[in-house]
């Protein structure tokens, strides 16, 4: 069996080089993607005074397709239990393997995903994100797995790539690997809350001697998707409270993540 969800150029070349005319692979994992939130809309729908456009779902659809999954856009689900039940039913009727949801998965009163009986919230000492939701619906013959991500854009991005993507690769028949973390010296001192890992957005730069460094962006809000676009890496700051300029710190290059 193949250990990746797609056959790349190197795999095709290797198969040809050893004289293979057929390869055995897993079928593509069928993933349904939805966002929860009464405030959400898709362009060009006019926004209410408290509304916002859903950037998470298009981002996740694109990332899943780039990873080789069969991604199905299920739209926006309102913040109520009946609509969430209908969303699960739609996913099962479509014979999807996984329902990946952005929002509704934290500990608030309106978090309908986390409140579902078949769902469990798993707290994590990681910021932004703080946790992820897992669940199973249906019997063995037609089981639907659920993965629930935070609603804030950067939190959703971080939890998707660190936790959800390895889980999806495992379900697809591949290897559940955490994204590579590489040591790069800091360009400036960095302080953070001790005892947890904060994934901050950062950019590469070079010092006078040509040494590669990484500098955290000034703005780090969990809802600021723009910072992902501007960044080169996620900086894994923690669990120590302080890191000095010139000290190596682990970073996840954004270029290696499916996008």
Protein backbone atom coordinates (compact mmCIF):
# COMPACT_ATOMS: atom_id res chain seq x y z
CA UNK A 1 0.00 0.00 0.00
CA UNK A 2 1.16 3.56 -0.63
CA UNK A 3 1.97 5.58 2.50
CA UNK A 4 0.90 8.92 1.06
CA UNK A 5 -2.44 10.16 -0.20
CA UNK A 6 -1.08 10.94 -3.66
CA UNK A 7 1.66 9.63 -5.92
CA UNK A 8 4.12 12.43 -6.62
CA UNK A 9 6.68 12.77 -9.36
CA UNK A 10 9.34 10.90 -7.38
CA UNK A 11 7.01 7.98 -6.63
CA UNK A 12 5.97 7.71 -10.29
CA UNK A 13 9.61 7.83 -11.34
CA UNK A 14 10.61 5.14 -8.83
CA UNK A 15 7.77 2.85 -9.87
CA UNK A 16 8.82 3.20 -13.51
CA UNK A 17 12.51 2.70 -12.68
CA UNK A 18 11.81 -0.68 -11.05
CA UNK A 19 9.59 -1.77 -13.94
CA UNK A 20 6.22 -1.53 -12.18
CA UNK A 21 3.20 -1.09 -14.40
CA UNK A 22 0.67 -1.01 -11.55
CA UNK A 23 0.77 0.22 -7.95
CA UNK A 24 -1.68 -0.50 -5.16
CA UNK A 25 -2.99 2.62 -3.43
CA UNK A 26 -5.71 3.65 -1.01
CA UNK A 27 -8.71 5.50 -2.38
CA UNK A 28 -8.78 9.20 -1.60
CA UNK A 29 -10.11 10.12 1.82
CA UNK A 30 -13.51 11.82 1.50
CA UNK A 31 -13.57 14.89 3.75
CA UNK A 32 -16.55 17.20 4.28
CA UNK A 33 -15.75 20.74 5.39
CA UNK A 34 -18.06 23.18 7.15
CA UNK A 35 -17.93 26.23 9.40
CA UNK A 36 -20.31 27.02 12.25
CA UNK A 37 -21.51 30.48 13.22
CA UNK A 38 -24.66 32.59 12.90
CA UNK A 39 -22.43 35.57 12.08
CA UNK A 40 -20.76 33.96 9.06
CA UNK A 41 -21.50 34.54 5.38
CA UNK A 42 -19.89 33.85 2.02
CA UNK A 43 -19.09 36.65 -0.43
CA UNK A 44 -20.82 38.43 -2.10
CA UNK A 45 -23.62 38.16 0.49
CA UNK A 46 -24.00 41.46 2.35
CA UNK A 47 -22.79 41.32 5.96
CA UNK A 48 -24.84 42.24 9.01
CA UNK A 49 -23.41 44.74 11.49
CA UNK A 50 -21.85 41.89 13.49
CA UNK A 51 -21.16 39.57 10.56
CA UNK A 52 -17.94 38.38 8.97
CA UNK A 53 -16.95 36.42 5.90
CA UNK A 54 -15.87 32.81 6.39
CA UNK A 55 -12.20 32.59 5.39
CA UNK A 56 -11.56 29.34 7.28
CA UNK A 57 -13.57 26.99 5.10
CA UNK A 58 -12.02 28.01 1.74
CA UNK A 59 -8.56 27.80 3.33
CA UNK A 60 -9.22 24.30 4.68
CA UNK A 61 -10.83 23.08 1.44
CA UNK A 62 -7.76 24.19 -0.51
CA UNK A 63 -5.35 22.63 2.02
CA UNK A 64 -7.21 19.31 1.97
CA UNK A 65 -7.20 19.19 -1.82
CA UNK A 66 -3.49 20.05 -1.88
CA UNK A 67 -2.90 17.10 0.46
CA UNK A 68 -4.67 14.79 -1.96
CA UNK A 69 -8.01 14.38 -0.18
CA UNK A 70 -11.43 14.48 -1.82
CA UNK A 71 -12.64 17.72 -0.20
CA UNK A 72 -16.38 18.49 -0.18
CA UNK A 73 -17.56 21.98 0.76
CA UNK A 74 -20.65 21.63 3.01
CA UNK A 75 -21.09 25.35 3.65
CA UNK A 76 -21.97 27.22 6.84
CA UNK A 77 -23.88 25.64 9.73
CA UNK A 78 -25.87 27.90 12.11
CA UNK A 79 -25.19 27.74 15.85
CA UNK A 80 -27.94 25.34 16.88
CA UNK A 81 -28.10 21.64 17.60
CA UNK A 82 -30.77 20.83 14.99
CA UNK A 83 -28.73 22.31 12.14
CA UNK A 84 -25.62 20.52 13.35
CA UNK A 85 -27.53 17.21 13.39
CA UNK A 86 -28.65 17.87 9.81
CA UNK A 87 -25.05 18.60 8.82
CA UNK A 88 -23.90 15.26 10.24
CA UNK A 89 -26.76 13.50 8.43
CA UNK A 90 -25.76 15.15 5.13
CA UNK A 91 -22.16 14.01 5.59
CA UNK A 92 -23.25 10.44 6.30
CA UNK A 93 -25.68 10.37 3.38
CA UNK A 94 -22.82 11.49 1.11
CA UNK A 95 -20.69 8.56 2.41
CA UNK A 96 -17.95 10.91 3.66
CA UNK A 97 -15.17 9.55 5.85
CA UNK A 98 -14.49 12.67 7.89
CA UNK A 99 -16.38 15.83 8.81
CA UNK A 100 -13.92 18.67 9.45
CA UNK A 101 -15.55 21.66 11.13
CA UNK A 102 -14.23 25.11 11.94
CA UNK A 103 -15.88 26.76 14.96
CA UNK A 104 -18.29 25.51 17.59
CA UNK A 105 -15.61 23.34 19.18
CA UNK A 106 -14.52 25.29 22.26
CA UNK A 107 -16.15 25.61 25.69
CA UNK A 108 -18.67 28.40 25.09
CA UNK A 109 -22.45 28.16 25.38
CA UNK A 110 -22.89 28.42 21.59
CA UNK A 111 -20.35 25.72 20.75
CA UNK A 112 -22.77 23.16 19.28
CA UNK A 113 -20.07 20.80 17.98
CA UNK A 114 -18.46 20.27 21.36
CA UNK A 115 -21.88 19.71 23.00
CA UNK A 116 -22.82 16.79 20.74
CA UNK A 117 -23.04 13.46 22.57
CA UNK A 118 -20.59 11.64 20.29
CA UNK A 119 -17.95 14.39 20.53
CA UNK A 120 -15.09 14.94 22.96
CA UNK A 121 -13.13 18.17 23.45
CA UNK A 122 -9.40 17.56 24.02
CA UNK A 123 -7.64 20.51 25.72
CA UNK A 124 -4.07 21.15 24.56
CA UNK A 125 -1.39 23.36 26.03
CA UNK A 126 -0.85 25.03 22.66
CA UNK A 127 -1.65 28.60 21.65
CA UNK A 128 -3.40 29.72 19.54
CA UNK A 129 -5.98 26.99 19.62
CA UNK A 130 -5.97 25.54 23.15
CA UNK A 131 -7.74 22.37 22.03
CA UNK A 132 -9.42 20.28 19.35
CA UNK A 133 -12.58 18.18 19.13
CA UNK A 134 -12.90 14.57 18.00
CA UNK A 135 -15.95 12.37 17.53
CA UNK A 136 -17.46 9.38 15.76
CA UNK A 137 -20.95 8.98 14.33
CA UNK A 138 -22.56 5.78 13.06
CA UNK A 139 -21.61 2.13 13.21
CA UNK A 140 -18.55 0.36 11.91
CA UNK A 141 -20.04 -0.10 8.44
CA UNK A 142 -20.69 3.61 7.89
CA UNK A 143 -18.57 5.41 10.44
CA UNK A 144 -18.12 9.17 10.14
CA UNK A 145 -15.18 10.66 12.02
CA UNK A 146 -15.41 14.26 13.17
CA UNK A 147 -12.58 16.72 13.78
CA UNK A 148 -13.53 20.11 15.21
CA UNK A 149 -11.20 23.11 14.95
CA UNK A 150 -11.37 26.49 16.71
CA UNK A 151 -13.23 29.29 14.97
CA UNK A 152 -10.52 31.97 15.12
CA UNK A 153 -8.66 31.92 11.82
CA UNK A 154 -5.07 31.49 13.05
CA UNK A 155 -6.15 29.05 15.77
CA UNK A 156 -7.92 26.96 13.12
CA UNK A 157 -4.85 27.07 10.85
CA UNK A 158 -2.46 26.00 13.63
CA UNK A 159 -4.66 23.18 14.98
CA UNK A 160 -5.37 21.94 11.46
CA UNK A 161 -1.72 21.56 10.50
CA UNK A 162 -0.38 20.36 13.87
CA UNK A 163 -3.16 17.95 14.88
CA UNK A 164 -5.88 17.50 12.25
CA UNK A 165 -3.65 16.96 9.20
CA UNK A 166 -1.63 14.12 10.81
CA UNK A 167 -4.94 12.51 11.84
CA UNK A 168 -6.32 12.85 8.32
CA UNK A 169 -3.17 11.32 6.83
CA UNK A 170 -3.52 8.38 9.22
CA UNK A 171 -7.17 7.89 8.24
CA UNK A 172 -6.14 8.04 4.57
CA UNK A 173 -3.72 5.15 5.07
CA UNK A 174 -0.56 7.25 5.36
CA UNK A 175 1.80 8.13 8.19
CA UNK A 176 0.64 10.57 10.87
CA UNK A 177 3.63 12.90 11.04
CA UNK A 178 3.75 16.21 12.91
CA UNK A 179 5.09 18.99 10.62
CA UNK A 180 8.86 19.32 10.68
CA UNK A 181 10.30 21.70 13.32
CA UNK A 182 13.72 23.17 12.48
CA UNK A 183 16.05 25.21 14.75
CA UNK A 184 16.69 28.79 13.57
CA UNK A 185 18.36 31.56 15.63
CA UNK A 186 16.14 34.40 16.83
CA UNK A 187 16.67 37.92 15.55
CA UNK A 188 15.33 39.46 18.79
CA UNK A 189 14.54 38.56 22.38
CA UNK A 190 11.24 36.76 22.84
CA UNK A 191 9.11 36.30 25.96
CA UNK A 192 6.06 34.06 26.31
CA UNK A 193 3.81 32.47 28.89
CA UNK A 194 5.75 29.66 30.59
CA UNK A 195 4.55 26.07 30.48
CA UNK A 196 2.94 26.06 27.04
CA UNK A 197 3.96 26.35 23.38
CA UNK A 198 2.86 29.47 21.52
CA UNK A 199 2.98 29.22 17.75
CA UNK A 200 3.82 32.75 16.67
CA UNK A 201 4.11 33.94 13.11
CA UNK A 202 7.57 35.04 11.99
CA UNK A 203 9.68 36.03 9.02
CA UNK A 204 13.18 35.12 7.92
CA UNK A 205 15.90 37.74 7.74
CA UNK A 206 19.70 37.79 7.46
CA UNK A 207 22.19 39.45 9.78
CA UNK A 208 25.29 41.35 8.60
CA UNK A 209 27.29 38.12 8.33
CA UNK A 210 24.64 36.45 6.16
CA UNK A 211 23.33 34.18 8.93
CA UNK A 212 19.65 33.20 8.60
CA UNK A 213 17.50 34.43 11.51
CA UNK A 214 13.80 34.48 12.35
CA UNK A 215 11.91 37.47 13.74
CA UNK A 216 8.36 37.30 15.19
CA UNK A 217 5.80 39.57 13.53
CA UNK A 218 4.65 42.45 15.71
CA UNK A 219 0.95 41.52 15.49
CA UNK A 220 -0.03 38.04 16.68
CA UNK A 221 -3.83 38.10 17.07
CA UNK A 222 -5.54 34.69 16.85
CA UNK A 223 -8.11 36.06 14.39
CA UNK A 224 -5.57 37.78 12.10
CA UNK A 225 -5.34 35.50 9.07
CA UNK A 226 -3.28 38.20 7.35
CA UNK A 227 -0.34 37.28 9.62
CA UNK A 228 -0.24 33.78 8.07
CA UNK A 229 0.00 35.34 4.61
CA UNK A 230 2.82 37.65 5.73
CA UNK A 231 4.78 34.98 7.64
CA UNK A 232 7.45 32.53 6.52
CA UNK A 233 7.24 30.28 9.58
CA UNK A 234 5.39 29.37 12.74
CA UNK A 235 7.70 29.92 15.71
CA UNK A 236 7.25 27.31 18.47
CA UNK A 237 7.88 29.61 21.46
CA UNK A 238 7.83 27.76 24.76
CA UNK A 239 7.63 26.13 27.18
CA UNK A 240 10.42 28.34 28.58
CA UNK A 241 9.40 31.94 29.45
CA UNK A 242 12.24 33.71 27.63
CA UNK A 243 14.46 33.21 24.59
CA UNK A 244 17.38 35.50 23.79
CA UNK A 245 18.42 36.97 20.45
CA UNK A 246 20.78 34.56 18.69
CA UNK A 247 19.37 31.54 20.54
CA UNK A 248 18.05 28.74 18.31
CA UNK A 249 14.29 28.23 18.45
CA UNK A 250 12.16 25.67 16.63
CA UNK A 251 10.14 26.87 13.64
CA UNK A 252 7.71 25.22 11.20
CA UNK A 253 8.35 26.50 7.64
CA UNK A 254 4.98 27.39 6.14
CA UNK A 255 6.20 26.33 2.70
CA UNK A 256 6.18 22.65 3.74
CA UNK A 257 2.49 22.74 4.75
CA UNK A 258 -0.26 21.86 2.24
CA UNK A 259 -1.80 25.09 0.94
